[in-house]
Each structure stands twice: as structure tokens, then as C-alpha cells.
N, C-alpha and C. Protein backbone atom coordinates (compact mmCIF):
# COMPACT_ATOMS: atom_id res chain seq x y z
N MET A 1 125.71 92.57 -6.34
CA MET A 1 125.31 93.95 -6.48
C MET A 1 126.55 94.81 -6.72
N LYS A 2 126.42 95.72 -7.66
CA LYS A 2 127.55 96.60 -8.02
C LYS A 2 127.69 97.71 -6.98
N LYS A 3 128.93 97.93 -6.56
CA LYS A 3 129.21 98.97 -5.57
C LYS A 3 129.10 100.34 -6.22
N LYS A 4 128.45 101.29 -5.52
CA LYS A 4 128.28 102.65 -6.04
C LYS A 4 129.64 103.35 -6.10
N LYS A 5 129.88 104.00 -7.24
CA LYS A 5 131.12 104.75 -7.43
C LYS A 5 131.03 106.05 -6.64
N ILE A 6 132.09 106.39 -5.93
CA ILE A 6 132.12 107.64 -5.15
C ILE A 6 132.34 108.81 -6.10
N ILE A 7 131.56 109.86 -5.91
CA ILE A 7 131.73 111.08 -6.70
C ILE A 7 131.96 112.25 -5.75
N TYR A 8 132.37 113.39 -6.34
CA TYR A 8 132.76 114.54 -5.52
C TYR A 8 131.64 115.02 -4.59
N SER A 9 130.40 114.88 -4.99
CA SER A 9 129.30 115.37 -4.15
C SER A 9 129.08 114.50 -2.92
N ASP A 10 129.74 113.32 -2.87
CA ASP A 10 129.66 112.46 -1.69
C ASP A 10 130.55 112.98 -0.56
N LEU A 11 131.44 113.91 -0.88
CA LEU A 11 132.37 114.44 0.12
C LEU A 11 131.88 115.77 0.68
N SER A 12 132.27 116.04 1.90
CA SER A 12 131.98 117.36 2.47
C SER A 12 132.93 118.36 1.84
N LYS A 13 132.65 119.63 2.03
CA LYS A 13 133.51 120.67 1.45
C LYS A 13 134.94 120.52 1.96
N LYS A 14 135.09 120.26 3.25
CA LYS A 14 136.41 120.12 3.86
C LYS A 14 137.13 118.88 3.32
N GLN A 15 136.40 117.78 3.14
CA GLN A 15 137.00 116.57 2.61
C GLN A 15 137.47 116.78 1.17
N LEU A 16 136.65 117.45 0.39
CA LEU A 16 137.01 117.73 -0.99
C LEU A 16 138.24 118.64 -1.07
N GLU A 17 138.29 119.67 -0.23
CA GLU A 17 139.46 120.56 -0.19
C GLU A 17 140.72 119.77 0.16
N ASN A 18 140.63 118.87 1.13
CA ASN A 18 141.79 118.06 1.53
C ASN A 18 142.21 117.10 0.42
N LEU A 19 141.24 116.51 -0.28
CA LEU A 19 141.56 115.63 -1.40
C LEU A 19 142.30 116.42 -2.48
N LYS A 20 141.83 117.60 -2.78
CA LYS A 20 142.47 118.43 -3.81
C LYS A 20 143.89 118.80 -3.42
N GLU A 21 144.08 119.21 -2.18
CA GLU A 21 145.43 119.56 -1.71
C GLU A 21 146.36 118.35 -1.77
N PHE A 22 145.86 117.19 -1.37
CA PHE A 22 146.65 115.96 -1.42
C PHE A 22 147.04 115.63 -2.86
N PHE A 23 146.07 115.76 -3.79
CA PHE A 23 146.34 115.52 -5.21
C PHE A 23 147.41 116.48 -5.72
N ILE A 24 147.28 117.76 -5.42
CA ILE A 24 148.25 118.76 -5.89
C ILE A 24 149.65 118.40 -5.40
N GLN A 25 149.76 118.09 -4.12
CA GLN A 25 151.06 117.75 -3.54
C GLN A 25 151.65 116.52 -4.23
N LYS A 26 150.87 115.49 -4.39
CA LYS A 26 151.36 114.25 -5.01
C LYS A 26 151.68 114.45 -6.49
N LYS A 27 150.86 115.22 -7.18
CA LYS A 27 151.07 115.48 -8.61
C LYS A 27 152.40 116.20 -8.82
N VAL A 28 152.65 117.24 -8.02
CA VAL A 28 153.90 118.00 -8.14
C VAL A 28 155.10 117.12 -7.80
N GLU A 29 154.97 116.33 -6.74
CA GLU A 29 156.07 115.45 -6.35
C GLU A 29 156.39 114.41 -7.42
N SER A 30 155.39 114.02 -8.19
CA SER A 30 155.61 112.97 -9.20
C SER A 30 156.20 113.52 -10.50
N MET A 31 156.23 114.84 -10.67
CA MET A 31 156.71 115.43 -11.91
C MET A 31 158.23 115.64 -11.86
N SER A 32 158.86 115.42 -13.01
CA SER A 32 160.30 115.67 -13.12
C SER A 32 160.53 117.18 -13.19
N HIS A 33 161.79 117.57 -13.05
CA HIS A 33 162.15 118.98 -13.12
C HIS A 33 161.73 119.56 -14.47
N GLU A 34 161.98 118.82 -15.54
CA GLU A 34 161.63 119.27 -16.89
C GLU A 34 160.12 119.40 -17.06
N GLU A 35 159.36 118.44 -16.53
CA GLU A 35 157.89 118.51 -16.60
C GLU A 35 157.36 119.72 -15.83
N LEU A 36 157.96 119.98 -14.67
CA LEU A 36 157.55 121.14 -13.87
C LEU A 36 157.80 122.44 -14.63
N LYS A 37 158.99 122.57 -15.23
CA LYS A 37 159.31 123.78 -15.99
C LYS A 37 158.34 123.97 -17.15
N LYS A 38 158.05 122.89 -17.86
CA LYS A 38 157.13 122.97 -19.00
C LYS A 38 155.73 123.38 -18.53
N TYR A 39 155.29 122.79 -17.44
CA TYR A 39 153.95 123.09 -16.90
C TYR A 39 153.85 124.54 -16.44
N VAL A 40 154.85 124.99 -15.73
CA VAL A 40 154.86 126.38 -15.26
C VAL A 40 154.91 127.35 -16.44
N LEU A 41 155.68 127.03 -17.46
CA LEU A 41 155.75 127.86 -18.66
C LEU A 41 154.36 127.99 -19.30
N GLU A 42 153.64 126.87 -19.40
CA GLU A 42 152.28 126.90 -19.96
C GLU A 42 151.35 127.78 -19.14
N ILE A 43 151.41 127.64 -17.83
CA ILE A 43 150.52 128.39 -16.94
C ILE A 43 150.83 129.89 -17.03
N ILE A 44 152.09 130.26 -16.91
CA ILE A 44 152.46 131.68 -16.97
C ILE A 44 152.15 132.26 -18.34
N SER A 45 152.43 131.51 -19.38
CA SER A 45 152.13 131.97 -20.73
C SER A 45 150.63 132.23 -20.89
N HIS A 46 149.82 131.33 -20.40
CA HIS A 46 148.37 131.51 -20.47
C HIS A 46 147.93 132.74 -19.68
N GLN A 47 148.47 132.92 -18.48
CA GLN A 47 148.09 134.06 -17.64
C GLN A 47 148.46 135.39 -18.29
N ILE A 48 149.60 135.45 -18.92
CA ILE A 48 150.10 136.72 -19.47
C ILE A 48 149.60 136.96 -20.89
N ASN A 49 149.64 135.95 -21.74
CA ASN A 49 149.30 136.14 -23.16
C ASN A 49 147.81 136.08 -23.46
N ASP A 50 147.06 135.37 -22.66
CA ASP A 50 145.65 135.18 -22.98
C ASP A 50 144.73 136.08 -22.17
N THR A 51 145.16 137.33 -21.98
CA THR A 51 144.32 138.27 -21.25
C THR A 51 143.13 138.64 -22.11
N ILE A 52 141.98 138.83 -21.49
CA ILE A 52 140.74 139.05 -22.22
C ILE A 52 140.27 140.49 -22.12
N ASP A 53 140.31 141.05 -20.96
CA ASP A 53 139.77 142.40 -20.80
C ASP A 53 140.79 143.30 -20.13
N LYS A 54 140.41 144.53 -19.91
CA LYS A 54 141.31 145.54 -19.34
C LYS A 54 141.79 145.12 -17.95
N GLU A 55 140.89 144.55 -17.15
CA GLU A 55 141.25 144.14 -15.80
C GLU A 55 142.35 143.06 -15.82
N GLU A 56 142.20 142.07 -16.68
CA GLU A 56 143.21 141.01 -16.79
C GLU A 56 144.51 141.57 -17.35
N GLU A 57 144.40 142.50 -18.30
CA GLU A 57 145.60 143.12 -18.88
C GLU A 57 146.36 143.88 -17.79
N MET A 58 145.63 144.55 -16.91
CA MET A 58 146.28 145.31 -15.83
C MET A 58 146.92 144.37 -14.81
N GLU A 59 146.30 143.22 -14.56
CA GLU A 59 146.89 142.23 -13.66
C GLU A 59 148.20 141.70 -14.24
N ALA A 60 148.19 141.40 -15.54
CA ALA A 60 149.41 140.91 -16.21
C ALA A 60 150.49 141.98 -16.16
N TRP A 61 150.09 143.24 -16.41
CA TRP A 61 151.03 144.36 -16.37
C TRP A 61 151.66 144.46 -14.97
N GLY A 62 150.85 144.35 -13.93
CA GLY A 62 151.34 144.41 -12.55
C GLY A 62 152.30 143.28 -12.24
N GLU A 63 151.98 142.10 -12.73
CA GLU A 63 152.86 140.95 -12.50
C GLU A 63 154.21 141.14 -13.19
N MET A 64 154.17 141.65 -14.43
CA MET A 64 155.43 141.91 -15.14
C MET A 64 156.22 143.01 -14.44
N SER A 65 155.54 144.04 -14.00
CA SER A 65 156.19 145.15 -13.31
C SER A 65 156.86 144.67 -12.02
N ASP A 66 156.15 143.85 -11.26
CA ASP A 66 156.71 143.30 -10.02
C ASP A 66 157.94 142.44 -10.30
N PHE A 67 157.87 141.65 -11.36
CA PHE A 67 158.98 140.75 -11.69
C PHE A 67 160.22 141.53 -12.10
N PHE A 68 160.07 142.50 -13.00
CA PHE A 68 161.22 143.25 -13.49
C PHE A 68 161.67 144.34 -12.52
N GLY A 69 160.79 144.78 -11.65
CA GLY A 69 161.13 145.80 -10.66
C GLY A 69 161.60 147.10 -11.31
N GLU A 70 162.74 147.61 -10.84
CA GLU A 70 163.27 148.87 -11.35
C GLU A 70 163.70 148.77 -12.82
N GLN A 71 163.91 147.58 -13.30
CA GLN A 71 164.33 147.36 -14.69
C GLN A 71 163.16 147.44 -15.67
N PHE A 72 161.92 147.46 -15.16
CA PHE A 72 160.74 147.38 -16.03
C PHE A 72 160.70 148.48 -17.08
N GLU A 73 160.97 149.70 -16.67
CA GLU A 73 160.92 150.81 -17.62
C GLU A 73 161.98 150.65 -18.72
N MET A 74 163.18 150.19 -18.33
CA MET A 74 164.24 149.96 -19.33
C MET A 74 163.83 148.87 -20.32
N VAL A 75 163.21 147.80 -19.81
CA VAL A 75 162.76 146.71 -20.67
C VAL A 75 161.74 147.24 -21.68
N ILE A 76 160.80 148.05 -21.20
CA ILE A 76 159.77 148.63 -22.08
C ILE A 76 160.40 149.51 -23.14
N LEU A 77 161.32 150.39 -22.72
CA LEU A 77 161.97 151.29 -23.68
C LEU A 77 162.73 150.51 -24.75
N GLU A 78 163.41 149.44 -24.37
CA GLU A 78 164.13 148.62 -25.34
C GLU A 78 163.17 147.97 -26.34
N ILE A 79 162.05 147.48 -25.84
CA ILE A 79 161.06 146.84 -26.72
C ILE A 79 160.43 147.87 -27.65
N GLN A 80 160.13 149.05 -27.11
CA GLN A 80 159.56 150.11 -27.94
C GLN A 80 160.53 150.50 -29.06
N LYS A 81 161.82 150.60 -28.69
CA LYS A 81 162.83 150.97 -29.68
C LYS A 81 162.95 149.87 -30.74
N LYS A 82 162.94 148.63 -30.31
CA LYS A 82 163.11 147.50 -31.22
C LYS A 82 161.93 147.36 -32.18
N TYR A 83 160.73 147.65 -31.71
CA TYR A 83 159.53 147.45 -32.51
C TYR A 83 158.81 148.76 -32.83
N VAL A 84 159.54 149.82 -33.06
CA VAL A 84 158.96 151.13 -33.34
C VAL A 84 158.12 151.11 -34.61
N ASP A 85 158.52 150.33 -35.60
CA ASP A 85 157.77 150.25 -36.86
C ASP A 85 156.41 149.58 -36.66
N ASP A 86 156.32 148.66 -35.72
CA ASP A 86 155.04 148.00 -35.46
C ASP A 86 153.98 148.98 -35.01
N LEU A 87 154.36 149.98 -34.25
CA LEU A 87 153.42 150.99 -33.78
C LEU A 87 152.86 151.76 -34.97
N ASN A 88 153.73 152.09 -35.93
CA ASN A 88 153.27 152.79 -37.13
C ASN A 88 152.30 151.91 -37.92
N ASP A 89 152.58 150.63 -38.03
CA ASP A 89 151.68 149.70 -38.72
C ASP A 89 150.34 149.64 -38.01
N TYR A 90 150.37 149.63 -36.69
CA TYR A 90 149.14 149.57 -35.90
C TYR A 90 148.30 150.83 -36.14
N ASP A 91 148.95 151.99 -36.18
CA ASP A 91 148.24 153.25 -36.44
C ASP A 91 147.58 153.23 -37.82
N LYS A 92 148.31 152.72 -38.82
CA LYS A 92 147.77 152.62 -40.18
C LYS A 92 146.56 151.69 -40.20
N GLU A 93 146.67 150.59 -39.47
CA GLU A 93 145.57 149.62 -39.42
C GLU A 93 144.32 150.26 -38.83
N ILE A 94 144.49 151.06 -37.78
CA ILE A 94 143.36 151.75 -37.17
C ILE A 94 142.76 152.75 -38.14
N ASP A 95 143.62 153.49 -38.89
CA ASP A 95 143.12 154.44 -39.88
C ASP A 95 142.27 153.75 -40.93
N TYR A 96 142.74 152.61 -41.46
CA TYR A 96 141.98 151.87 -42.46
C TYR A 96 140.65 151.40 -41.89
N GLN A 97 140.70 150.95 -40.66
CA GLN A 97 139.47 150.47 -40.02
C GLN A 97 138.48 151.62 -39.86
N ASN A 98 138.96 152.77 -39.44
CA ASN A 98 138.08 153.94 -39.28
C ASN A 98 137.50 154.37 -40.63
N GLN A 99 138.31 154.33 -41.68
CA GLN A 99 137.83 154.69 -43.02
C GLN A 99 136.72 153.74 -43.46
N ARG A 100 136.90 152.45 -43.22
CA ARG A 100 135.88 151.47 -43.59
C ARG A 100 134.59 151.71 -42.81
N LEU A 101 134.71 152.00 -41.52
CA LEU A 101 133.53 152.27 -40.70
C LEU A 101 132.78 153.50 -41.20
N GLU A 102 133.52 154.55 -41.55
CA GLU A 102 132.88 155.77 -42.07
C GLU A 102 132.15 155.49 -43.37
N LEU A 103 132.77 154.73 -44.27
CA LEU A 103 132.12 154.37 -45.53
C LEU A 103 130.84 153.56 -45.29
N LEU A 104 130.92 152.62 -44.38
CA LEU A 104 129.74 151.81 -44.07
C LEU A 104 128.61 152.68 -43.52
N GLU A 105 128.96 153.60 -42.64
CA GLU A 105 127.95 154.50 -42.08
C GLU A 105 127.31 155.36 -43.17
N ARG A 106 128.16 155.92 -44.05
CA ARG A 106 127.63 156.76 -45.14
C ARG A 106 126.71 155.95 -46.05
N ASN A 107 127.14 154.76 -46.41
CA ASN A 107 126.31 153.91 -47.27
C ASN A 107 125.01 153.54 -46.58
N ASN A 108 125.09 153.29 -45.32
CA ASN A 108 123.90 152.94 -44.56
C ASN A 108 122.92 154.12 -44.51
N LEU A 109 123.43 155.33 -44.30
CA LEU A 109 122.57 156.51 -44.26
C LEU A 109 121.90 156.73 -45.61
N ASN A 110 122.65 156.55 -46.71
CA ASN A 110 122.09 156.71 -48.05
C ASN A 110 120.98 155.70 -48.30
N GLN A 111 121.18 154.49 -47.84
CA GLN A 111 120.17 153.45 -48.06
C GLN A 111 118.92 153.70 -47.23
N GLU A 112 119.10 154.22 -46.02
CA GLU A 112 117.95 154.49 -45.16
C GLU A 112 117.07 155.60 -45.73
N LYS A 113 117.65 156.53 -46.48
CA LYS A 113 116.90 157.64 -47.03
C LYS A 113 115.99 157.22 -48.17
N LYS A 114 116.31 156.11 -48.83
CA LYS A 114 115.49 155.63 -49.93
C LYS A 114 114.17 155.10 -49.38
N ASP A 115 113.12 155.46 -50.04
CA ASP A 115 111.81 154.93 -49.67
C ASP A 115 111.65 153.58 -50.35
N MET A 116 111.19 152.60 -49.60
CA MET A 116 111.10 151.27 -50.16
C MET A 116 110.08 151.16 -51.28
N TRP A 117 109.15 152.15 -51.38
CA TRP A 117 108.12 152.13 -52.42
C TRP A 117 108.58 152.81 -53.71
N ASP A 118 109.69 153.55 -53.59
CA ASP A 118 110.22 154.21 -54.78
C ASP A 118 110.98 153.21 -55.63
N ASP A 119 110.70 153.24 -56.92
CA ASP A 119 111.43 152.34 -57.83
C ASP A 119 112.32 153.13 -58.74
């Protein structure tokens, strides 16, 4: 008779938590310094770059602010100065998008006014 394979639902919540903690500890201990740096880089990059909504963006902002401390404002000013042209490009992009939306709305209104029975 084949022995039943153990799955996570066979463990109590406490047992599962302990297994996870044991795995984390052993996994980290088994990684080289270079592997750890690469892994941490991936995690931090994902947390900061892959923000989805305003709440996540604010969390990333807070984390960056905490990290840079009093230097945060200087870092921001340097980046703003370095990429000042990008802001102008962004404004132009928004203008073009707004123009397209206005045209679509106007065209839509014109089409709605036509009676489908009129030829």
C-alpha cells in the first residue's frame, strides 16, 4: 500500500507556522552572500517599482523617506533638476491625451444625435 503524502492541511496552524519559520531560517543560511544580495535587490525592487495604487505608492514613498532621512529632499531636488525635461514631456503627453478624449467625446455626441432611421 502506498503511503499518503503529507500536505499542508495535515498540519495545525502552529505546526505550519513553525515549518515556515524553519524553512526561512534554513533557506537564508544556505544562501551565499551574493545570492542574498541578489534576492534582496529583487524584493526591494519589486516593492518600490511595482506599486499599483496610491496606497502602495505612499508606502514606497515613506520607505524611501525613512531610508534617506534628512537627505531625502536633497535627493528629490537633484533628480528633479536632472530630469526637468521629462516633466515637460509628461505634460505634453497629458495634453495630447486630453485632446484625444475631447475629440472622441465630440464625435460620440455627433453620432448620438443622428437618428438611426435617417439615411
